Amino acid sequence: MRLLALVKDLMFRSKIDAVCESLGVEVAYVSAVELLPPRCAEISPQVVVVDLSERTFEAETTMAEIRKCAPGARVIGFASHVDLKSLAGARQAGFTRVLSRQEFAAQLPALLKSAP
């Protein structure tokens, strides 16, 4: 299984890396929406995760780009539980799952195990 993560936070990346390594999931990172198409073409992700706390990953624009290059991928967005605007924006943009940062960290193993 391959995961593409739009996550800039290095500490959070290390958490994702640890879970992916334990499950044998290949993970790649993108630090800008413009870099999505070549990275998607390279790894063909089944799951894409987006740190909605990063203002450069605005939900609607990011989702549109993901759908262009990885139309069948599950898209999971996460943000601080108090960032209601970003969480609501991701739901409206059609993200498969939208979670608080804490929920995402706790549920990541189960989310990856249940991915196709």
N, C-alpha and C. Protein backbone atom coordinates (compact mmCIF):
# COMPACT_ATOMS: atom_id res chain seq x y z
N MET A 1 0.84 -1.17 0.00
CA MET A 1 0.00 0.00 0.00
C MET A 1 0.89 1.24 0.00
N ARG A 2 0.43 2.29 -0.69
CA ARG A 2 1.21 3.52 -0.81
C ARG A 2 0.40 4.71 -0.29
N LEU A 3 1.07 5.51 0.52
CA LEU A 3 0.47 6.68 1.14
C LEU A 3 1.23 7.91 0.68
N LEU A 4 0.50 8.94 0.30
CA LEU A 4 1.10 10.23 -0.02
C LEU A 4 0.61 11.21 1.04
N ALA A 5 1.55 11.91 1.67
CA ALA A 5 1.19 12.81 2.76
C ALA A 5 1.58 14.24 2.43
N LEU A 6 0.62 15.13 2.54
CA LEU A 6 0.86 16.56 2.40
C LEU A 6 1.00 17.09 3.82
N VAL A 7 2.19 16.92 4.35
CA VAL A 7 2.48 17.25 5.74
C VAL A 7 3.86 17.90 5.79
N LYS A 8 3.94 19.09 6.35
CA LYS A 8 5.23 19.78 6.47
C LYS A 8 5.86 19.61 7.85
N ASP A 9 5.04 19.41 8.87
CA ASP A 9 5.50 19.31 10.26
C ASP A 9 6.40 18.08 10.42
N LEU A 10 7.68 18.31 10.69
CA LEU A 10 8.65 17.21 10.77
C LEU A 10 8.36 16.26 11.93
N MET A 11 7.87 16.77 13.03
CA MET A 11 7.55 15.90 14.17
C MET A 11 6.38 14.98 13.81
N PHE A 12 5.39 15.53 13.12
CA PHE A 12 4.24 14.71 12.74
C PHE A 12 4.63 13.72 11.66
N ARG A 13 5.54 14.12 10.78
CA ARG A 13 6.03 13.19 9.77
C ARG A 13 6.68 11.97 10.42
N SER A 14 7.41 12.20 11.50
CA SER A 14 8.06 11.07 12.17
C SER A 14 7.03 10.10 12.74
N LYS A 15 5.90 10.61 13.21
CA LYS A 15 4.82 9.74 13.71
C LYS A 15 4.25 8.91 12.55
N ILE A 16 4.00 9.57 11.44
CA ILE A 16 3.47 8.87 10.27
C ILE A 16 4.47 7.82 9.79
N ASP A 17 5.74 8.19 9.73
CA ASP A 17 6.78 7.26 9.31
C ASP A 17 6.80 6.01 10.19
N ALA A 18 6.70 6.19 11.50
CA ALA A 18 6.76 5.06 12.42
C ALA A 18 5.58 4.10 12.19
N VAL A 19 4.39 4.65 12.01
CA VAL A 19 3.21 3.80 11.77
C VAL A 19 3.35 3.08 10.43
N CYS A 20 3.76 3.82 9.41
CA CYS A 20 3.90 3.21 8.08
C CYS A 20 4.95 2.11 8.08
N GLU A 21 6.05 2.37 8.75
CA GLU A 21 7.10 1.35 8.81
C GLU A 21 6.60 0.09 9.51
N SER A 22 5.86 0.25 10.59
CA SER A 22 5.36 -0.91 11.33
C SER A 22 4.36 -1.72 10.52
N LEU A 23 3.67 -1.08 9.57
CA LEU A 23 2.66 -1.76 8.77
C LEU A 23 3.15 -2.13 7.37
N GLY A 24 4.38 -1.76 7.05
CA GLY A 24 4.90 -2.05 5.72
C GLY A 24 4.28 -1.20 4.63
N VAL A 25 3.88 0.02 4.99
CA VAL A 25 3.26 0.95 4.04
C VAL A 25 4.33 1.88 3.50
N GLU A 26 4.36 2.04 2.19
CA GLU A 26 5.28 2.97 1.55
C GLU A 26 4.69 4.37 1.70
N VAL A 27 5.50 5.33 2.17
CA VAL A 27 5.02 6.69 2.36
C VAL A 27 5.93 7.66 1.63
N ALA A 28 5.32 8.67 1.03
CA ALA A 28 6.05 9.75 0.37
C ALA A 28 5.40 11.06 0.81
N TYR A 29 6.17 12.13 0.76
CA TYR A 29 5.68 13.43 1.22
C TYR A 29 5.74 14.46 0.10
N VAL A 30 4.82 15.41 0.18
CA VAL A 30 4.77 16.54 -0.73
C VAL A 30 4.62 17.78 0.14
N SER A 31 5.41 18.81 -0.15
CA SER A 31 5.35 20.02 0.66
C SER A 31 4.62 21.17 -0.03
N ALA A 32 4.15 20.93 -1.27
CA ALA A 32 3.40 21.95 -2.00
C ALA A 32 2.41 21.27 -2.94
N VAL A 33 1.26 21.88 -3.12
CA VAL A 33 0.22 21.31 -3.98
C VAL A 33 0.73 21.15 -5.41
N GLU A 34 1.58 22.06 -5.87
CA GLU A 34 2.10 21.99 -7.23
C GLU A 34 2.93 20.72 -7.48
N LEU A 35 3.43 20.12 -6.42
CA LEU A 35 4.26 18.92 -6.54
C LEU A 35 3.45 17.63 -6.56
N LEU A 36 2.13 17.75 -6.40
CA LEU A 36 1.27 16.56 -6.38
C LEU A 36 1.32 15.74 -7.67
N PRO A 37 1.11 16.35 -8.84
CA PRO A 37 1.04 15.53 -10.06
C PRO A 37 2.26 14.63 -10.30
N PRO A 38 3.49 15.16 -10.23
CA PRO A 38 4.61 14.25 -10.48
C PRO A 38 4.76 13.17 -9.40
N ARG A 39 4.46 13.53 -8.16
CA ARG A 39 4.60 12.55 -7.08
C ARG A 39 3.53 11.47 -7.20
N CYS A 40 2.31 11.86 -7.53
CA CYS A 40 1.23 10.88 -7.74
C CYS A 40 1.59 9.94 -8.88
N ALA A 41 2.11 10.48 -9.95
CA ALA A 41 2.50 9.65 -11.10
C ALA A 41 3.60 8.67 -10.70
N GLU A 42 4.46 9.10 -9.82
CA GLU A 42 5.58 8.27 -9.37
C GLU A 42 5.14 7.11 -8.49
N ILE A 43 4.21 7.37 -7.54
CA ILE A 43 3.89 6.32 -6.57
C ILE A 43 2.47 5.78 -6.64
N SER A 44 1.56 6.40 -7.37
CA SER A 44 0.16 5.97 -7.46
C SER A 44 -0.42 5.65 -6.07
N PRO A 45 -0.62 6.68 -5.25
CA PRO A 45 -1.08 6.43 -3.87
C PRO A 45 -2.52 5.92 -3.79
N GLN A 46 -2.75 5.03 -2.83
CA GLN A 46 -4.11 4.58 -2.54
C GLN A 46 -4.77 5.48 -1.48
N VAL A 47 -3.91 6.10 -0.66
CA VAL A 47 -4.39 6.99 0.40
C VAL A 47 -3.57 8.28 0.34
N VAL A 48 -4.25 9.40 0.49
CA VAL A 48 -3.59 10.70 0.57
C VAL A 48 -4.04 11.35 1.87
N VAL A 49 -3.08 11.82 2.68
CA VAL A 49 -3.43 12.53 3.90
C VAL A 49 -2.97 13.97 3.78
N VAL A 50 -3.80 14.87 4.32
CA VAL A 50 -3.54 16.30 4.18
C VAL A 50 -3.63 16.97 5.54
N ASP A 51 -2.56 17.68 5.90
CA ASP A 51 -2.55 18.47 7.13
C ASP A 51 -3.22 19.80 6.81
N LEU A 52 -4.47 19.91 7.17
CA LEU A 52 -5.27 21.09 6.85
C LEU A 52 -4.87 22.31 7.67
N SER A 53 -4.02 22.11 8.68
CA SER A 53 -3.53 23.23 9.47
C SER A 53 -2.56 24.08 8.66
N GLU A 54 -1.96 23.48 7.64
CA GLU A 54 -1.07 24.21 6.74
C GLU A 54 -1.92 25.02 5.78
N ARG A 55 -1.82 26.30 5.83
CA ARG A 55 -2.65 27.17 4.98
C ARG A 55 -2.39 26.96 3.50
N THR A 56 -1.23 26.42 3.14
CA THR A 56 -0.94 26.16 1.74
C THR A 56 -1.73 24.97 1.21
N PHE A 57 -2.34 24.18 2.10
CA PHE A 57 -3.14 23.03 1.69
C PHE A 57 -4.62 23.33 1.90
N GLU A 58 -5.10 24.38 1.27
CA GLU A 58 -6.51 24.77 1.37
C GLU A 58 -7.34 23.63 0.81
N ALA A 59 -8.39 23.26 1.51
CA ALA A 59 -9.14 22.03 1.23
C ALA A 59 -9.66 21.91 -0.20
N GLU A 60 -10.36 22.90 -0.68
CA GLU A 60 -11.00 22.79 -1.99
C GLU A 60 -9.96 22.67 -3.12
N THR A 61 -8.96 23.53 -3.10
CA THR A 61 -7.92 23.50 -4.13
C THR A 61 -7.11 22.21 -4.06
N THR A 62 -6.76 21.81 -2.86
CA THR A 62 -5.98 20.59 -2.67
C THR A 62 -6.75 19.36 -3.14
N MET A 63 -8.02 19.30 -2.77
CA MET A 63 -8.85 18.15 -3.19
C MET A 63 -8.98 18.10 -4.71
N ALA A 64 -9.16 19.24 -5.35
CA ALA A 64 -9.27 19.27 -6.81
C ALA A 64 -8.00 18.71 -7.45
N GLU A 65 -6.85 19.08 -6.94
CA GLU A 65 -5.58 18.59 -7.49
C GLU A 65 -5.41 17.09 -7.23
N ILE A 66 -5.81 16.64 -6.04
CA ILE A 66 -5.70 15.21 -5.72
C ILE A 66 -6.59 14.41 -6.67
N ARG A 67 -7.80 14.87 -6.91
CA ARG A 67 -8.72 14.14 -7.79
C ARG A 67 -8.21 14.08 -9.23
N LYS A 68 -7.45 15.09 -9.65
CA LYS A 68 -6.87 15.07 -10.99
C LYS A 68 -5.80 13.99 -11.13
N CYS A 69 -4.97 13.83 -10.11
CA CYS A 69 -3.82 12.94 -10.25
C CYS A 69 -3.98 11.60 -9.53
N ALA A 70 -4.90 11.50 -8.60
CA ALA A 70 -5.14 10.23 -7.88
C ALA A 70 -6.64 10.08 -7.65
N PRO A 71 -7.41 9.93 -8.72
CA PRO A 71 -8.88 9.96 -8.61
C PRO A 71 -9.48 8.88 -7.71
N GLY A 72 -8.84 7.75 -7.56
CA GLY A 72 -9.41 6.68 -6.74
C GLY A 72 -8.90 6.63 -5.31
N ALA A 73 -8.02 7.55 -4.95
CA ALA A 73 -7.42 7.52 -3.61
C ALA A 73 -8.41 7.96 -2.54
N ARG A 74 -8.29 7.33 -1.36
CA ARG A 74 -9.01 7.82 -0.18
C ARG A 74 -8.26 9.05 0.30
N VAL A 75 -8.98 10.11 0.64
CA VAL A 75 -8.35 11.36 1.05
C VAL A 75 -8.76 11.67 2.48
N ILE A 76 -7.76 11.74 3.35
CA ILE A 76 -8.01 11.96 4.78
C ILE A 76 -7.38 13.29 5.17
N GLY A 77 -8.20 14.17 5.71
CA GLY A 77 -7.71 15.46 6.17
C GLY A 77 -7.74 15.53 7.68
N PHE A 78 -6.79 16.28 8.23
CA PHE A 78 -6.78 16.47 9.68
C PHE A 78 -6.32 17.87 10.02
N ALA A 79 -6.78 18.37 11.16
CA ALA A 79 -6.42 19.69 11.66
C ALA A 79 -6.70 19.72 13.15
N SER A 80 -6.29 20.78 13.77
CA SER A 80 -6.57 20.96 15.19
C SER A 80 -8.08 20.92 15.42
N HIS A 81 -8.47 20.37 16.54
CA HIS A 81 -9.90 20.27 16.85
C HIS A 81 -10.57 21.63 16.98
N VAL A 82 -9.80 22.68 17.17
CA VAL A 82 -10.38 24.02 17.27
C VAL A 82 -10.39 24.74 15.91
N ASP A 83 -9.81 24.14 14.89
CA ASP A 83 -9.77 24.74 13.56
C ASP A 83 -11.02 24.29 12.78
N LEU A 84 -12.16 24.72 13.24
CA LEU A 84 -13.44 24.29 12.69
C LEU A 84 -13.61 24.69 11.23
N LYS A 85 -13.06 25.82 10.85
CA LYS A 85 -13.18 26.27 9.46
C LYS A 85 -12.48 25.30 8.50
N SER A 86 -11.27 24.88 8.83
CA SER A 86 -10.54 23.94 7.97
C SER A 86 -11.22 22.58 7.93
N LEU A 87 -11.68 22.10 9.07
CA LEU A 87 -12.35 20.80 9.13
C LEU A 87 -13.64 20.82 8.31
N ALA A 88 -14.43 21.89 8.44
CA ALA A 88 -15.67 22.00 7.68
C ALA A 88 -15.37 22.14 6.18
N GLY A 89 -14.34 22.89 5.84
CA GLY A 89 -13.96 23.06 4.44
C GLY A 89 -13.59 21.74 3.80
N ALA A 90 -12.90 20.89 4.53
CA ALA A 90 -12.52 19.58 4.00
C ALA A 90 -13.75 18.70 3.78
N ARG A 91 -14.69 18.75 4.69
CA ARG A 91 -15.93 17.98 4.51
C ARG A 91 -16.66 18.45 3.27
N GLN A 92 -16.77 19.76 3.11
CA GLN A 92 -17.47 20.33 1.94
C GLN A 92 -16.74 20.01 0.64
N ALA A 93 -15.40 19.91 0.70
CA ALA A 93 -14.61 19.63 -0.50
C ALA A 93 -14.67 18.16 -0.91
N GLY A 94 -15.21 17.31 -0.03
CA GLY A 94 -15.38 15.90 -0.37
C GLY A 94 -14.30 14.96 0.13
N PHE A 95 -13.55 15.37 1.14
CA PHE A 95 -12.56 14.48 1.73
C PHE A 95 -13.27 13.22 2.22
N THR A 96 -12.62 12.07 2.07
CA THR A 96 -13.20 10.80 2.50
C THR A 96 -13.42 10.79 4.00
N ARG A 97 -12.42 11.25 4.75
CA ARG A 97 -12.50 11.33 6.23
C ARG A 97 -11.89 12.66 6.65
N VAL A 98 -12.44 13.24 7.70
CA VAL A 98 -11.93 14.48 8.28
C VAL A 98 -11.86 14.26 9.78
N LEU A 99 -10.66 14.42 10.33
CA LEU A 99 -10.42 14.12 11.73
C LEU A 99 -9.65 15.23 12.41
N SER A 100 -9.78 15.28 13.73
CA SER A 100 -8.90 16.18 14.48
C SER A 100 -7.50 15.58 14.43
N ARG A 101 -6.52 16.39 14.69
CA ARG A 101 -5.12 15.93 14.67
C ARG A 101 -4.92 14.75 15.63
N GLN A 102 -5.50 14.85 16.81
CA GLN A 102 -5.36 13.79 17.81
C GLN A 102 -6.05 12.51 17.34
N GLU A 103 -7.24 12.63 16.77
CA GLU A 103 -7.95 11.45 16.24
C GLU A 103 -7.15 10.80 15.12
N PHE A 104 -6.60 11.62 14.25
CA PHE A 104 -5.82 11.10 13.13
C PHE A 104 -4.62 10.29 13.65
N ALA A 105 -3.90 10.86 14.60
CA ALA A 105 -2.72 10.16 15.14
C ALA A 105 -3.12 8.84 15.79
N ALA A 106 -4.23 8.84 16.52
CA ALA A 106 -4.67 7.64 17.21
C ALA A 106 -5.22 6.58 16.24
N GLN A 107 -5.87 7.02 15.18
CA GLN A 107 -6.55 6.09 14.27
C GLN A 107 -5.73 5.72 13.03
N LEU A 108 -4.56 6.33 12.86
CA LEU A 108 -3.79 6.08 11.64
C LEU A 108 -3.53 4.60 11.38
N PRO A 109 -3.11 3.80 12.36
CA PRO A 109 -2.91 2.38 12.06
C PRO A 109 -4.18 1.71 11.50
N ALA A 110 -5.31 1.95 12.12
CA ALA A 110 -6.57 1.34 11.67
C ALA A 110 -6.97 1.88 10.30
N LEU A 111 -6.76 3.17 10.05
CA LEU A 111 -7.09 3.75 8.75
C LEU A 111 -6.27 3.10 7.64
N LEU A 112 -5.01 2.86 7.91
CA LEU A 112 -4.14 2.25 6.89
C LEU A 112 -4.44 0.76 6.70
N LYS A 113 -4.76 0.08 7.79
CA LYS A 113 -5.10 -1.34 7.68
C LYS A 113 -6.38 -1.56 6.89
N SER A 114 -7.31 -0.61 6.98
CA SER A 114 -8.60 -0.77 6.29
C SER A 114 -8.57 -0.25 4.85
N ALA A 115 -7.45 0.34 4.44
CA ALA A 115 -7.35 0.88 3.07
C ALA A 115 -7.22 -0.25 2.07
N PRO A 116 -7.76 -0.05 0.88
CA PRO A 116 -7.68 -1.09 -0.16
C PRO A 116 -6.25 -1.37 -0.60
